[in-house]
C-alpha atoms as a PDB file:
ATOM      1  CA  MET A   1       0.530  50.011 -77.032  1.00  0.00           C
ATOM      2  CA  ILE A   2       3.834  49.389 -75.149  1.00  0.00           C
ATOM      3  CA  THR A   3       4.224  45.874 -73.855  1.00  0.00           C
ATOM      4  CA  MET A   4       6.241  45.336 -70.801  1.00  0.00           C
ATOM      5  CA  ILE A   5       8.250  42.377 -70.814  1.00  0.00           C
ATOM      6  CA  LEU A   6      10.231  40.403 -68.211  1.00  0.00           C
ATOM      7  CA  VAL A   7      13.915  38.910 -69.476  1.00  0.00           C
ATOM      8  CA  TYR A   8      15.188  35.948 -67.928  1.00  0.00           C
ATOM      9  CA  ILE A   9      19.086  35.612 -68.315  1.00  0.00           C
ATOM     10  CA  THR A  10      20.893  32.714 -66.849  1.00  0.00           C
ATOM     11  CA  CYS A  11      24.408  33.814 -65.703  1.00  0.00           C
ATOM     12  CA  GLU A  12      27.577  31.453 -64.000  1.00  0.00           C
ATOM     13  CA  SER A  13      27.906  34.291 -61.231  1.00  0.00           C
ATOM     14  CA  LYS A  14      26.413  36.567 -58.664  1.00  0.00           C
ATOM     15  CA  GLU A  15      29.372  39.185 -60.373  1.00  0.00           C
ATOM     16  CA  GLN A  16      28.474  38.363 -64.133  1.00  0.00           C
ATOM     17  CA  ALA A  17      24.737  38.974 -63.328  1.00  0.00           C
ATOM     18  CA  GLU A  18      25.747  42.667 -62.074  1.00  0.00           C
ATOM     19  CA  ASP A  19      28.102  43.734 -64.627  1.00  0.00           C
ATOM     20  CA  ILE A  20      25.827  42.522 -67.222  1.00  0.00           C
ATOM     21  CA  GLY A  21      22.664  44.352 -65.221  1.00  0.00           C
ATOM     22  CA  ARG A  22      24.095  47.377 -64.962  1.00  0.00           C
ATOM     23  CA  GLN A  23      25.268  47.651 -68.029  1.00  0.00           C
ATOM     24  CA  LEU A  24      21.467  47.465 -69.839  1.00  0.00           C
ATOM     25  CA  LEU A  25      20.787  49.606 -66.725  1.00  0.00           C
ATOM     26  CA  LYS A  26      23.448  52.838 -68.191  1.00  0.00           C
ATOM     27  CA  LYS A  27      22.369  52.123 -71.708  1.00  0.00           C
ATOM     28  CA  ARG A  28      18.798  52.591 -70.327  1.00  0.00           C
ATOM     29  CA  LEU A  29      17.722  48.952 -72.176  1.00  0.00           C
ATOM     30  CA  VAL A  30      15.989  47.869 -68.725  1.00  0.00           C
ATOM     31  CA  GLY A  31      14.411  50.034 -66.067  1.00  0.00           C
ATOM     32  CA  CYS A  32      15.370  47.848 -63.108  1.00  0.00           C
ATOM     33  CA  ILE A  33      16.551  44.231 -62.477  1.00  0.00           C
ATOM     34  CA  ASN A  34      16.478  41.417 -59.952  1.00  0.00           C
ATOM     35  CA  ILE A  35      19.464  39.186 -58.959  1.00  0.00           C
ATOM     36  CA  ILE A  36      18.648  35.769 -57.861  1.00  0.00           C
ATOM     37  CA  PRO A  37      21.363  33.935 -56.692  1.00  0.00           C
ATOM     38  CA  GLY A  38      21.847  29.844 -55.706  1.00  0.00           C
ATOM     39  CA  MET A  39      19.960  28.411 -58.595  1.00  0.00           C
ATOM     40  CA  HIS A  40      20.905  24.675 -59.372  1.00  0.00           C
ATOM     41  CA  SER A  41      20.283  23.708 -62.804  1.00  0.00           C
ATOM     42  CA  ALA A  42      20.553  20.531 -65.115  1.00  0.00           C
ATOM     43  CA  TYR A  43      20.544  20.582 -68.521  1.00  0.00           C
ATOM     44  CA  LEU A  44      21.892  18.297 -71.211  1.00  0.00           C
ATOM     45  CA  TRP A  45      25.077  19.427 -72.815  1.00  0.00           C
ATOM     46  CA  PRO A  46      26.633  19.550 -75.305  1.00  0.00           C
ATOM     47  CA  PRO A  47      24.007  20.084 -78.133  1.00  0.00           C
ATOM     48  CA  GLY A  48      23.541  16.636 -79.492  1.00  0.00           C
ATOM     49  CA  LYS A  49      24.875  14.806 -76.573  1.00  0.00           C
ATOM     50  CA  ASN A  50      22.893  12.693 -74.116  1.00  0.00           C
ATOM     51  CA  TYR A  51      25.330  13.993 -71.129  1.00  0.00           C
ATOM     52  CA  ILE A  52      23.560  15.693 -68.230  1.00  0.00           C
ATOM     53  CA  GLU A  53      25.087  18.646 -67.095  1.00  0.00           C
ATOM     54  CA  GLU A  54      24.761  20.508 -63.949  1.00  0.00           C
ATOM     55  CA  ALA A  55      25.577  23.796 -62.251  1.00  0.00           C
ATOM     56  CA  ASP A  56      25.200  26.688 -59.491  1.00  0.00           C
ATOM     57  CA  GLU A  57      23.689  29.711 -61.895  1.00  0.00           C
ATOM     58  CA  VAL A  58      22.019  32.831 -61.041  1.00  0.00           C
ATOM     59  CA  ILE A  59      19.031  34.349 -62.583  1.00  0.00           C
ATOM     60  CA  LEU A  60      19.108  37.733 -63.980  1.00  0.00           C
ATOM     61  CA  LEU A  61      15.827  38.975 -64.269  1.00  0.00           C
ATOM     62  CA  CYS A  62      15.098  42.240 -66.169  1.00  0.00           C
ATOM     63  CA  LYS A  63      12.000  44.617 -66.619  1.00  0.00           C
ATOM     64  CA  THR A  64      11.954  46.498 -70.142  1.00  0.00           C
ATOM     65  CA  VAL A  65       9.555  46.339 -72.700  1.00  0.00           C
ATOM     66  CA  GLU A  66       9.458  44.121 -75.808  1.00  0.00           C
ATOM     67  CA  LYS A  67      10.290  46.610 -78.235  1.00  0.00           C
ATOM     68  CA  HIS A  68      13.881  46.833 -76.552  1.00  0.00           C
ATOM     69  CA  TYR A  69      14.471  42.800 -76.253  1.00  0.00           C
ATOM     70  CA  VAL A  70      16.568  42.497 -79.430  1.00  0.00           C
ATOM     71  CA  ALA A  71      18.986  45.527 -78.138  1.00  0.00           C
ATOM     72  CA  VAL A  72      18.986  43.310 -74.618  1.00  0.00           C
ATOM     73  CA  GLU A  73      19.335  40.169 -76.059  1.00  0.00           C
ATOM     74  CA  LYS A  74      22.246  41.661 -78.471  1.00  0.00           C
ATOM     75  CA  GLU A  75      24.017  43.190 -75.359  1.00  0.00           C
ATOM     76  CA  VAL A  76      23.717  40.225 -73.259  1.00  0.00           C
ATOM     77  CA  LEU A  77      25.747  37.899 -75.666  1.00  0.00           C
ATOM     78  CA  LYS A  78      28.115  40.810 -76.109  1.00  0.00           C
ATOM     79  CA  LEU A  79      28.922  40.555 -72.337  1.00  0.00           C
ATOM     80  CA  HIS A  80      27.854  36.646 -71.300  1.00  0.00           C
ATOM     81  CA  THR A  81      30.912  34.632 -70.869  1.00  0.00           C
ATOM     82  CA  TYR A  82      28.318  30.934 -71.808  1.00  0.00           C
ATOM     83  CA  SER A  83      28.375  29.886 -75.657  1.00  0.00           C
ATOM     84  CA  ASN A  84      24.427  29.801 -75.169  1.00  0.00           C
ATOM     85  CA  PRO A  85      23.124  31.165 -72.540  1.00  0.00           C
ATOM     86  CA  ALA A  86      19.437  31.082 -71.889  1.00  0.00           C
ATOM     87  CA  ILE A  87      17.636  34.675 -72.968  1.00  0.00           C
ATOM     88  CA  PHE A  88      13.777  34.801 -72.890  1.00  0.00           C
ATOM     89  CA  ALA A  89      11.197  37.159 -72.548  1.00  0.00           C
ATOM     90  CA  LEU A  90       7.528  36.393 -70.665  1.00  0.00           C
ATOM     91  CA  PRO A  91       4.723  38.863 -71.526  1.00  0.00           C
ATOM     92  CA  ILE A  92       3.859  41.014 -68.482  1.00  0.00           C
ATOM     93  CA  THR A  93       0.132  40.535 -68.478  1.00  0.00           C
ATOM     94  CA  HIS A  94      -0.562  42.921 -65.377  1.00  0.00           C
ATOM     95  CA  MET A  95       1.344  46.011 -63.768  1.00  0.00           C
ATOM     96  CA  SER A  96       0.242  48.695 -61.387  1.00  0.00           C
ATOM     97  CA  ASN A  97      -0.475  51.920 -62.869  1.00  0.00           C
ATOM     98  CA  LYS A  98       2.116  53.484 -60.983  1.00  0.00           C
ATOM     99  CA  TYR A  99       4.906  51.065 -61.557  1.00  0.00           C
ATOM    100  CA  ALA A 100       4.464  50.715 -65.395  1.00  0.00           C
ATOM    101  CA  ASP A 101       4.806  54.891 -65.383  1.00  0.00           C
ATOM    102  CA  TRP A 102       7.850  54.987 -63.859  1.00  0.00           C
ATOM    103  CA  LEU A 103       9.185  52.141 -65.479  1.00  0.00           C
ATOM    104  CA  LYS A 104       8.126  54.095 -68.856  1.00  0.00           C
ATOM    105  CA  SER A 105       9.806  56.831 -67.300  1.00  0.00           C
ATOM    106  CA  GLU A 106      13.277  55.278 -66.833  1.00  0.00           C
ATOM    107  CA  LEU A 107      13.164  54.092 -70.564  1.00  0.00           C
ATOM    108  CA  ASP A 108      12.083  56.877 -71.776  1.00  0.00           C
ATOM    109  CA  LEU A 109       9.131  55.970 -73.394  1.00  0.00           C
ATOM    110  CA  GLN A 110       6.717  58.507 -72.142  1.00  0.00           C
ATOM    111  CA  LYS A 111       8.731  60.984 -74.131  1.00  0.00           C
ATOM    112  CA  GLU A 112       8.273  58.733 -77.615  1.00  0.00           C
ATOM    113  CA  GLN A 113       4.500  58.273 -76.821  1.00  0.00           C
ATOM    114  CA  LYS A 114       3.825  62.050 -76.455  1.00  0.00           C
ATOM    115  CA  LYS A 115       5.659  62.564 -79.617  1.00  0.00           C
ATOM    116  CA  SER A 116       4.066  59.576 -81.651  1.00  0.00           C
ATOM    117  CA  LYS A 117       0.807  61.330 -80.520  1.00  0.00           C
ATOM    118  CA  GLN A 118       1.784  64.768 -81.498  1.00  0.00           C
ATOM    119  CA  SER A 119       2.488  62.903 -84.983  1.00  0.00           C
ATOM    120  CA  HIS A 120      -0.675  61.656 -85.183  1.00  0.00           C
ATOM    121  CA  TYR A 121      -2.255  64.846 -84.468  1.00  0.00           C
ATOM    122  CA  GLN A 122      -0.103  66.443 -87.223  1.00  0.00           C
ATOM    123  CA  ALA A 123      -1.315  64.104 -89.945  1.00  0.00           C
ATOM    124  CA  MET A 124      -4.555  64.672 -89.026  1.00  0.00           C
ATOM    125  CA  TRP A 125      -4.288  68.477 -89.063  1.00  0.00           C
ATOM    126  CA  ASP A 126      -2.510  68.290 -92.553  1.00  0.00           C
ATOM    127  CA  ILE A 127      -5.554  66.374 -94.141  1.00  0.00           C
ATOM    128  CA  ILE A 128      -7.773  68.515 -92.639  1.00  0.00           C
ATOM    129  CA  LYS A 129      -6.064  71.503 -93.846  1.00  0.00           C
ATOM    130  CA  LYS A 130      -6.176  70.384 -97.706  1.00  0.00           C
ATOM    131  CA  PRO A 131      -7.887  72.706 -99.563  1.00  0.00           C
ATOM    132  CA  SER A 132     -11.802  72.110 -99.826  1.00  0.00           C
ATOM    133  CA  ARG A 133     -13.418  70.553-103.150  1.00  0.00           C
ATOM    134  CA  THR A 134     -15.722  73.386-103.010  1.00  0.00           C
ATOM    135  CA  PRO A 135     -13.479  76.383-103.692  1.00  0.00           C
ATOM    136  CA  ASN A 136     -15.845  78.937-101.220  1.00  0.00           C
ATOM    137  CA  LYS A 137     -15.802  76.271 -98.247  1.00  0.00           C
ATOM    138  CA  PRO A 138     -13.587  76.820 -96.039  1.00  0.00           C
ATOM    139  CA  MET A 139     -11.843  73.934 -94.336  1.00  0.00           C
ATOM    140  CA  GLY A 140      -9.480  73.207 -91.024  1.00  0.00           C
ATOM    141  CA  ALA A 141      -9.348  73.198 -87.050  1.00  0.00           C
ATOM    142  CA  SER A 142     -10.716  75.677 -85.516  1.00  0.00           C
ATOM    143  CA  GLU A 143      -8.033  77.861 -83.402  1.00  0.00           C
ATOM    144  CA  GLU A 144      -9.080  75.807 -80.154  1.00  0.00           C
ATOM    145  CA  ASP A 145      -8.227  72.540 -82.061  1.00  0.00           C
ATOM    146  CA  LYS A 146      -5.066  73.922 -82.544  1.00  0.00           C
ATOM    147  CA  ILE A 147      -4.358  74.566 -79.014  1.00  0.00           C
ATOM    148  CA  ILE A 148      -5.808  71.490 -77.635  1.00  0.00           C
ATOM    149  CA  TYR A 149      -4.502  68.947 -80.334  1.00  0.00           C
ATOM    150  CA  GLY A 150      -0.579  70.917 -79.949  1.00  0.00           C
ATOM    151  CA  ILE A 151      -0.681  71.952 -84.356  1.00  0.00           C
ATOM    152  CA  ASP A 152       1.062  74.680 -85.639  1.00  0.00           C
END
C-alpha cells in the first residue's frame, strides 16, 4: 500500500522555498508544493545554549509518498542554506481518490503498482506451472487465466 505524506520544510525566504520546491518537482520526488510566507519562528539556537532566536521564515509543504522521503530530505539538505533546517513528514490519513490518483500518476507510481501486480501474478504462474507430483495429472492456468492475469 502506498502511504501519502506531507513534508514540512522551513525556509529562510520565499525564493529559497521556490528553488527547493522546483527542484523536488523536476526530480518527481513530490507531486505538488505549497509555499506559505509570513511565518514567525522562535527557537533555541545554537544547540546547548539557552538563547532564544527569532526569525521570519517561509513554510514549504510538499505532497509525496513515504518511500520518497529519504530522497526528498537528501535533496533539501543539499540545496538549503540552514545548517539544520526543519524537515519532517506527517502522514496523510485521508485523501480524495481523484487527487490520490493524480498524485500517484505524477510520481510515476501507477506504473510501479501495475508492474508489482504483474510480478505477483508472474510468481503465482511460476508456482502453478511447476510439474505435478502425479505424473499424468496436468497442472497450470487456463488460457483464460493467462489473459486475465497478463501471464506469458
